[in-house]
Amino acid sequence: MKGSNAGTLRGTRPVDSHLKAERIQSLLGRLPGWEASEGNAAVRRTYRLPDVTSALAFVQYVGTLARSSGQNPDLRLHANEVTVILAGPGAAGLTEADLELARLLDQR
């Protein structure tokens, strides 16, 4: 691509490239509790909260973070457990942005 929009999508934000399996495993080593799934196309973690009310608040927190970073996580709520699944755009592979969101979620 040529010009000032190189590396961006419609000139708005950088296009994230998909990570290779070795890089994913290296980054997951810094994210305890997260695991690769779907052939390294996604990462997942289940959070156990004190009760369903806390779990619902956590879902809201994930949604707020995801919206601000342009991510679309898959969230699964079961009683006091929330499973977060992060996958790259179109589920074609993980990006640095996916793993950054995982890191941010762990800082709550």
N, C-alpha and C. Protein backbone atom coordinates (compact mmCIF):
# COMPACT_ATOMS: atom_id res chain seq x y z
N MET A 1 0.83 -1.17 0.00
CA MET A 1 0.00 0.00 0.00
C MET A 1 0.88 1.24 0.00
N LYS A 2 0.46 2.22 -0.73
CA LYS A 2 1.21 3.46 -0.78
C LYS A 2 0.41 4.56 -0.12
N GLY A 3 1.11 5.63 0.21
CA GLY A 3 0.43 6.80 0.73
C GLY A 3 0.30 6.78 2.24
N SER A 4 -0.39 7.79 2.76
CA SER A 4 -0.49 7.96 4.21
C SER A 4 -1.39 6.94 4.88
N ASN A 5 -2.19 6.21 4.13
CA ASN A 5 -3.08 5.21 4.73
C ASN A 5 -2.47 3.82 4.79
N ALA A 6 -1.22 3.67 4.43
CA ALA A 6 -0.58 2.36 4.48
C ALA A 6 -0.64 1.82 5.90
N GLY A 7 -1.07 0.58 6.04
CA GLY A 7 -1.15 -0.06 7.34
C GLY A 7 -2.39 0.31 8.12
N THR A 8 -3.32 1.04 7.51
CA THR A 8 -4.54 1.39 8.21
C THR A 8 -5.74 0.95 7.41
N LEU A 9 -6.84 0.83 8.07
CA LEU A 9 -8.10 0.48 7.43
C LEU A 9 -8.89 1.76 7.25
N ARG A 10 -9.05 2.21 6.03
CA ARG A 10 -9.75 3.45 5.74
C ARG A 10 -9.18 4.63 6.50
N GLY A 11 -7.88 4.57 6.80
CA GLY A 11 -7.23 5.68 7.46
C GLY A 11 -7.62 5.90 8.91
N THR A 12 -8.25 4.91 9.54
CA THR A 12 -8.74 5.13 10.90
C THR A 12 -7.84 4.51 11.96
N ARG A 13 -7.49 3.27 11.82
CA ARG A 13 -6.63 2.64 12.82
C ARG A 13 -5.76 1.60 12.14
N PRO A 14 -4.61 1.29 12.76
CA PRO A 14 -3.73 0.31 12.14
C PRO A 14 -4.40 -1.04 11.99
N VAL A 15 -4.12 -1.72 10.91
CA VAL A 15 -4.62 -3.08 10.70
C VAL A 15 -3.73 -4.02 11.52
N ASP A 16 -4.35 -4.84 12.36
CA ASP A 16 -3.60 -5.79 13.17
C ASP A 16 -3.28 -7.01 12.34
N SER A 17 -2.03 -7.43 12.39
CA SER A 17 -1.68 -8.66 11.69
C SER A 17 -1.86 -9.83 12.64
N HIS A 18 -2.18 -10.96 12.08
CA HIS A 18 -2.44 -12.16 12.87
C HIS A 18 -1.12 -12.71 13.39
N LEU A 19 -1.16 -13.22 14.60
CA LEU A 19 0.04 -13.71 15.27
C LEU A 19 0.31 -15.16 14.92
N LYS A 20 1.57 -15.49 14.89
CA LYS A 20 1.99 -16.87 14.67
C LYS A 20 1.89 -17.64 15.99
N ALA A 21 1.77 -18.94 15.89
CA ALA A 21 1.57 -19.81 17.06
C ALA A 21 2.65 -19.60 18.12
N GLU A 22 3.90 -19.45 17.71
CA GLU A 22 4.99 -19.27 18.68
C GLU A 22 4.81 -17.99 19.47
N ARG A 23 4.41 -16.93 18.80
CA ARG A 23 4.20 -15.64 19.46
C ARG A 23 3.01 -15.72 20.42
N ILE A 24 1.96 -16.40 20.01
CA ILE A 24 0.79 -16.56 20.87
C ILE A 24 1.19 -17.28 22.15
N GLN A 25 1.92 -18.38 22.03
CA GLN A 25 2.34 -19.14 23.21
C GLN A 25 3.24 -18.32 24.11
N SER A 26 4.12 -17.52 23.52
CA SER A 26 5.01 -16.66 24.30
C SER A 26 4.20 -15.64 25.09
N LEU A 27 3.24 -15.00 24.45
CA LEU A 27 2.42 -14.00 25.13
C LEU A 27 1.50 -14.63 26.17
N LEU A 28 0.99 -15.83 25.89
CA LEU A 28 0.13 -16.51 26.86
C LEU A 28 0.89 -16.86 28.14
N GLY A 29 2.20 -17.03 28.01
CA GLY A 29 3.02 -17.30 29.19
C GLY A 29 2.97 -16.15 30.19
N ARG A 30 2.60 -14.97 29.73
CA ARG A 30 2.48 -13.79 30.60
C ARG A 30 1.03 -13.53 31.02
N LEU A 31 0.13 -14.42 30.61
CA LEU A 31 -1.29 -14.25 30.91
C LEU A 31 -1.83 -15.50 31.60
N PRO A 32 -1.52 -15.67 32.88
CA PRO A 32 -1.97 -16.87 33.59
C PRO A 32 -3.49 -17.02 33.52
N GLY A 33 -3.92 -18.25 33.30
CA GLY A 33 -5.34 -18.53 33.24
C GLY A 33 -5.92 -18.50 31.83
N TRP A 34 -5.23 -17.86 30.90
CA TRP A 34 -5.68 -17.81 29.50
C TRP A 34 -5.09 -19.01 28.77
N GLU A 35 -5.86 -19.56 27.84
CA GLU A 35 -5.38 -20.68 27.04
C GLU A 35 -5.79 -20.50 25.59
N ALA A 36 -4.94 -21.01 24.71
CA ALA A 36 -5.26 -20.97 23.28
C ALA A 36 -6.38 -21.96 23.00
N SER A 37 -7.23 -21.62 22.06
CA SER A 37 -8.29 -22.53 21.66
C SER A 37 -8.54 -22.36 20.17
N GLU A 38 -9.32 -23.27 19.63
CA GLU A 38 -9.69 -23.22 18.22
C GLU A 38 -8.45 -23.13 17.31
N GLY A 39 -7.45 -23.95 17.62
CA GLY A 39 -6.24 -24.01 16.80
C GLY A 39 -5.47 -22.71 16.78
N ASN A 40 -5.34 -22.05 17.93
CA ASN A 40 -4.67 -20.76 18.07
C ASN A 40 -5.40 -19.62 17.39
N ALA A 41 -6.65 -19.81 17.01
CA ALA A 41 -7.44 -18.73 16.41
C ALA A 41 -8.13 -17.89 17.49
N ALA A 42 -8.07 -18.36 18.74
CA ALA A 42 -8.72 -17.65 19.84
C ALA A 42 -7.99 -17.98 21.14
N VAL A 43 -8.26 -17.15 22.16
CA VAL A 43 -7.83 -17.45 23.53
C VAL A 43 -9.06 -17.34 24.41
N ARG A 44 -9.03 -18.09 25.50
CA ARG A 44 -10.19 -18.09 26.40
C ARG A 44 -9.74 -18.17 27.84
N ARG A 45 -10.61 -17.64 28.69
CA ARG A 45 -10.40 -17.74 30.13
C ARG A 45 -11.75 -17.69 30.80
N THR A 46 -11.90 -18.50 31.85
CA THR A 46 -13.11 -18.47 32.66
C THR A 46 -12.78 -17.79 33.99
N TYR A 47 -13.55 -16.76 34.29
CA TYR A 47 -13.42 -16.04 35.55
C TYR A 47 -14.52 -16.52 36.48
N ARG A 48 -14.16 -16.82 37.72
CA ARG A 48 -15.14 -17.21 38.74
C ARG A 48 -15.31 -16.03 39.69
N LEU A 49 -16.53 -15.54 39.76
CA LEU A 49 -16.85 -14.40 40.59
C LEU A 49 -17.63 -14.86 41.82
N PRO A 50 -17.74 -13.99 42.84
CA PRO A 50 -18.42 -14.41 44.07
C PRO A 50 -19.88 -14.82 43.88
N ASP A 51 -20.59 -14.15 42.96
CA ASP A 51 -22.01 -14.44 42.78
C ASP A 51 -22.44 -13.95 41.40
N VAL A 52 -23.70 -14.21 41.05
CA VAL A 52 -24.20 -13.85 39.72
C VAL A 52 -24.21 -12.33 39.51
N THR A 53 -24.49 -11.58 40.56
CA THR A 53 -24.48 -10.12 40.44
C THR A 53 -23.08 -9.62 40.07
N SER A 54 -22.06 -10.17 40.69
CA SER A 54 -20.68 -9.81 40.38
C SER A 54 -20.32 -10.24 38.96
N ALA A 55 -20.82 -11.39 38.56
CA ALA A 55 -20.55 -11.88 37.20
C ALA A 55 -21.17 -10.94 36.17
N LEU A 56 -22.39 -10.48 36.41
CA LEU A 56 -23.04 -9.55 35.49
C LEU A 56 -22.29 -8.22 35.43
N ALA A 57 -21.79 -7.75 36.57
CA ALA A 57 -21.00 -6.52 36.59
C ALA A 57 -19.72 -6.71 35.78
N PHE A 58 -19.12 -7.89 35.89
CA PHE A 58 -17.90 -8.17 35.13
C PHE A 58 -18.19 -8.18 33.63
N VAL A 59 -19.31 -8.75 33.22
CA VAL A 59 -19.70 -8.74 31.81
C VAL A 59 -19.80 -7.30 31.32
N GLN A 60 -20.39 -6.43 32.11
CA GLN A 60 -20.49 -5.01 31.75
C GLN A 60 -19.11 -4.39 31.60
N TYR A 61 -18.22 -4.72 32.53
CA TYR A 61 -16.84 -4.21 32.48
C TYR A 61 -16.14 -4.67 31.20
N VAL A 62 -16.28 -5.95 30.87
CA VAL A 62 -15.67 -6.47 29.64
C VAL A 62 -16.23 -5.72 28.43
N GLY A 63 -17.53 -5.51 28.41
CA GLY A 63 -18.15 -4.80 27.31
C GLY A 63 -17.63 -3.39 27.15
N THR A 64 -17.44 -2.70 28.25
CA THR A 64 -16.90 -1.34 28.21
C THR A 64 -15.48 -1.32 27.65
N LEU A 65 -14.64 -2.21 28.15
CA LEU A 65 -13.26 -2.28 27.64
C LEU A 65 -13.24 -2.68 26.17
N ALA A 66 -14.05 -3.64 25.81
CA ALA A 66 -14.07 -4.12 24.43
C ALA A 66 -14.53 -3.02 23.48
N ARG A 67 -15.56 -2.30 23.86
CA ARG A 67 -16.06 -1.23 23.00
C ARG A 67 -14.99 -0.16 22.78
N SER A 68 -14.26 0.20 23.84
CA SER A 68 -13.25 1.25 23.72
C SER A 68 -12.06 0.81 22.88
N SER A 69 -11.85 -0.51 22.76
CA SER A 69 -10.71 -1.00 21.98
C SER A 69 -11.14 -1.57 20.62
N GLY A 70 -12.43 -1.52 20.32
CA GLY A 70 -12.91 -2.03 19.03
C GLY A 70 -12.94 -3.54 18.93
N GLN A 71 -12.96 -4.22 20.07
CA GLN A 71 -12.97 -5.68 20.09
C GLN A 71 -14.40 -6.19 20.23
N ASN A 72 -14.61 -7.45 19.85
CA ASN A 72 -15.91 -8.10 19.96
C ASN A 72 -15.76 -9.47 20.60
N PRO A 73 -15.55 -9.51 21.93
CA PRO A 73 -15.37 -10.81 22.58
C PRO A 73 -16.65 -11.61 22.63
N ASP A 74 -16.48 -12.91 22.70
CA ASP A 74 -17.59 -13.82 22.94
C ASP A 74 -17.65 -14.01 24.46
N LEU A 75 -18.81 -13.74 25.05
CA LEU A 75 -18.96 -13.84 26.50
C LEU A 75 -20.00 -14.90 26.82
N ARG A 76 -19.66 -15.77 27.75
CA ARG A 76 -20.59 -16.81 28.18
C ARG A 76 -20.74 -16.73 29.69
N LEU A 77 -21.98 -16.53 30.12
CA LEU A 77 -22.29 -16.38 31.53
C LEU A 77 -23.02 -17.63 32.02
N HIS A 78 -22.52 -18.18 33.11
CA HIS A 78 -23.19 -19.32 33.74
C HIS A 78 -23.06 -19.12 35.24
N ALA A 79 -24.18 -18.77 35.87
CA ALA A 79 -24.21 -18.51 37.30
C ALA A 79 -23.15 -17.47 37.66
N ASN A 80 -22.13 -17.85 38.42
CA ASN A 80 -21.09 -16.90 38.83
C ASN A 80 -19.82 -17.01 37.99
N GLU A 81 -19.90 -17.65 36.84
CA GLU A 81 -18.74 -17.80 35.96
C GLU A 81 -18.96 -17.08 34.64
N VAL A 82 -17.91 -16.39 34.20
CA VAL A 82 -17.93 -15.72 32.90
C VAL A 82 -16.74 -16.24 32.09
N THR A 83 -17.03 -16.82 30.93
CA THR A 83 -15.96 -17.24 30.02
C THR A 83 -15.84 -16.18 28.94
N VAL A 84 -14.61 -15.70 28.76
CA VAL A 84 -14.31 -14.69 27.74
C VAL A 84 -13.50 -15.39 26.66
N ILE A 85 -13.96 -15.26 25.42
CA ILE A 85 -13.25 -15.81 24.27
C ILE A 85 -12.90 -14.66 23.35
N LEU A 86 -11.62 -14.50 23.09
CA LEU A 86 -11.14 -13.44 22.21
C LEU A 86 -10.60 -14.05 20.94
N ALA A 87 -11.05 -13.55 19.81
CA ALA A 87 -10.59 -14.04 18.51
C ALA A 87 -10.40 -12.84 17.60
N GLY A 88 -9.46 -12.93 16.71
CA GLY A 88 -9.19 -11.84 15.79
C GLY A 88 -10.37 -11.55 14.88
N PRO A 89 -10.26 -10.49 14.11
CA PRO A 89 -11.34 -10.11 13.19
C PRO A 89 -11.74 -11.27 12.29
N GLY A 90 -13.02 -11.56 12.24
CA GLY A 90 -13.50 -12.66 11.40
C GLY A 90 -13.02 -14.01 11.87
N ALA A 91 -12.52 -14.10 13.11
CA ALA A 91 -12.00 -15.34 13.69
C ALA A 91 -10.93 -15.98 12.80
N ALA A 92 -10.20 -15.13 12.07
CA ALA A 92 -9.15 -15.64 11.19
C ALA A 92 -7.81 -15.78 11.89
N GLY A 93 -7.72 -15.32 13.11
CA GLY A 93 -6.48 -15.44 13.85
C GLY A 93 -6.36 -14.34 14.89
N LEU A 94 -5.59 -14.61 15.91
CA LEU A 94 -5.40 -13.65 16.99
C LEU A 94 -4.50 -12.50 16.59
N THR A 95 -4.72 -11.37 17.23
CA THR A 95 -3.89 -10.19 17.01
C THR A 95 -3.34 -9.73 18.35
N GLU A 96 -2.39 -8.82 18.30
CA GLU A 96 -1.85 -8.22 19.52
C GLU A 96 -2.98 -7.55 20.32
N ALA A 97 -3.94 -6.94 19.61
CA ALA A 97 -5.05 -6.25 20.28
C ALA A 97 -5.87 -7.23 21.12
N ASP A 98 -6.06 -8.45 20.64
CA ASP A 98 -6.80 -9.45 21.41
C ASP A 98 -6.09 -9.75 22.72
N LEU A 99 -4.79 -9.94 22.64
CA LEU A 99 -4.04 -10.29 23.84
C LEU A 99 -3.86 -9.09 24.75
N GLU A 100 -3.87 -7.89 24.21
CA GLU A 100 -3.84 -6.69 25.04
C GLU A 100 -5.14 -6.58 25.84
N LEU A 101 -6.27 -6.89 25.22
CA LEU A 101 -7.53 -6.87 25.94
C LEU A 101 -7.51 -7.93 27.06
N ALA A 102 -6.95 -9.08 26.79
CA ALA A 102 -6.83 -10.11 27.83
C ALA A 102 -6.02 -9.57 29.01
N ARG A 103 -4.93 -8.89 28.71
CA ARG A 103 -4.09 -8.30 29.77
C ARG A 103 -4.87 -7.27 30.58
N LEU A 104 -5.62 -6.43 29.90
CA LEU A 104 -6.41 -5.42 30.59
C LEU A 104 -7.49 -6.04 31.48
N LEU A 105 -8.11 -7.10 31.01
CA LEU A 105 -9.13 -7.78 31.81
C LEU A 105 -8.53 -8.34 33.10
N ASP A 106 -7.31 -8.80 33.02
CA ASP A 106 -6.66 -9.37 34.20
C ASP A 106 -6.24 -8.32 35.21
N GLN A 107 -6.25 -7.05 34.82
CA GLN A 107 -5.87 -5.97 35.74
C GLN A 107 -7.04 -5.46 36.57
N ARG A 108 -8.21 -5.98 36.35
CA ARG A 108 -9.41 -5.49 37.06
C ARG A 108 -9.28 -5.62 38.56
